[in-house]
Amino acid sequence: MPEAVEDKQRIIDALAHKAPTGAATQVFVAYVPAAEIFETTCADRTCSLEEMESPMKACLTENWDNCVHAMIRHDAKNYCLLEVGPEHE
């Protein structure tokens, strides 16, 4: 999980740039140092374990480390998985 607020903000900005839309369930993983986003769209409303881990495997294969699940889009709603700092609680 990224500790620095700046890292979290770069990831949030990168996710916003992706502009996920639609009702399909999507999984997003971020490579923290570069805020590079890896994603998959699940075949059904609920994702299989393989679909959930697909973007993480792609991130780790390319970068070896510093990959985090960043967001899930489900039923046309975005759910951010980045930990909120105490200053934002």
Protein backbone atom coordinates (compact mmCIF):
# COMPACT_ATOMS: atom_id res chain seq x y z
CA MET A 1 0.00 0.00 0.00
CA PRO A 2 1.46 3.38 -0.90
CA GLU A 3 2.26 5.45 2.18
CA ALA A 4 2.86 8.85 0.61
CA VAL A 5 -0.16 11.01 -0.17
CA GLU A 6 1.57 12.03 -3.41
CA ASP A 7 1.75 8.39 -4.56
CA LYS A 8 -1.91 7.85 -3.79
CA GLN A 9 -2.86 11.02 -5.66
CA ARG A 10 -0.82 10.00 -8.74
CA ILE A 11 -2.63 6.65 -8.77
CA ILE A 12 -6.03 8.32 -8.37
CA ASP A 13 -5.18 10.69 -11.23
CA ALA A 14 -4.09 7.75 -13.42
CA LEU A 15 -7.35 5.93 -12.64
CA ALA A 16 -9.34 9.05 -13.52
CA HIS A 17 -7.47 9.23 -16.83
CA LYS A 18 -8.64 5.67 -17.59
CA ALA A 19 -12.20 6.95 -17.09
CA PRO A 20 -13.83 3.55 -16.45
CA THR A 21 -17.46 3.44 -17.55
CA GLY A 22 -20.27 0.94 -17.88
CA ALA A 23 -21.76 -1.62 -15.56
CA ALA A 24 -19.18 -4.37 -16.14
CA THR A 25 -17.07 -5.35 -13.16
CA GLN A 26 -13.49 -4.19 -13.61
CA VAL A 27 -10.36 -4.67 -11.49
CA PHE A 28 -7.53 -2.12 -11.48
CA VAL A 29 -4.00 -2.61 -10.13
CA ALA A 30 -1.39 0.14 -9.93
CA TYR A 31 2.39 0.03 -10.08
CA VAL A 32 3.06 2.58 -7.35
CA PRO A 33 6.34 4.25 -8.49
CA ALA A 34 4.99 5.11 -11.97
CA ALA A 35 1.22 5.06 -11.26
CA GLU A 36 0.92 2.67 -14.21
CA ILE A 37 -2.50 1.00 -14.30
CA PHE A 38 -3.18 -2.64 -15.17
CA GLU A 39 -6.80 -3.69 -15.59
CA THR A 40 -9.19 -6.45 -16.51
CA THR A 41 -12.91 -6.62 -17.21
CA CYS A 42 -14.65 -9.63 -15.73
CA ALA A 43 -16.79 -11.86 -17.93
CA ASP A 44 -19.70 -11.87 -15.46
CA ARG A 45 -21.05 -9.54 -12.79
CA THR A 46 -18.84 -11.30 -10.24
CA CYS A 47 -15.20 -11.97 -11.02
CA SER A 48 -13.42 -15.28 -10.84
CA LEU A 49 -10.27 -15.47 -8.73
CA GLU A 50 -8.26 -15.69 -11.96
CA GLU A 51 -9.86 -12.48 -13.26
CA MET A 52 -9.22 -10.71 -9.93
CA GLU A 53 -5.54 -11.62 -10.01
CA SER A 54 -4.93 -11.11 -13.74
CA PRO A 55 -3.92 -7.42 -13.52
CA MET A 56 -1.79 -8.10 -10.41
CA LYS A 57 0.06 -10.88 -12.22
CA ALA A 58 0.65 -8.59 -15.21
CA CYS A 59 1.98 -5.82 -12.96
CA LEU A 60 4.27 -8.15 -11.01
CA THR A 61 5.53 -9.84 -14.18
CA GLU A 62 6.53 -6.48 -15.60
CA ASN A 63 7.75 -4.77 -12.43
CA TRP A 64 8.43 -7.49 -9.80
CA ASP A 65 7.25 -5.35 -6.86
CA ASN A 66 5.27 -2.32 -5.66
CA CYS A 67 1.92 -3.35 -7.18
CA VAL A 68 -1.36 -2.75 -5.33
CA HIS A 69 -5.04 -3.36 -6.01
CA ALA A 70 -6.23 0.22 -6.47
CA MET A 71 -9.88 0.13 -7.54
CA ILE A 72 -12.79 -2.11 -8.37
CA ARG A 73 -15.69 -0.94 -10.54
CA HIS A 74 -18.89 -2.86 -9.80
CA ASP A 75 -22.46 -2.07 -10.86
CA ALA A 76 -21.28 1.23 -12.41
CA LYS A 77 -19.73 2.40 -9.11
CA ASN A 78 -16.03 2.88 -8.39
CA TYR A 79 -14.60 1.53 -5.14
CA CYS A 80 -11.17 2.89 -4.28
CA LEU A 81 -8.99 0.39 -2.41
CA LEU A 82 -6.25 2.82 -1.40
CA GLU A 83 -5.94 3.35 2.33
CA VAL A 84 -7.12 6.74 3.54
CA GLY A 85 -4.65 8.72 5.63
CA PRO A 86 -5.64 9.92 9.11
CA GLU A 87 -5.86 13.49 7.80
CA HIS A 88 -8.77 12.43 5.55
CA GLU A 89 -10.81 10.29 7.98
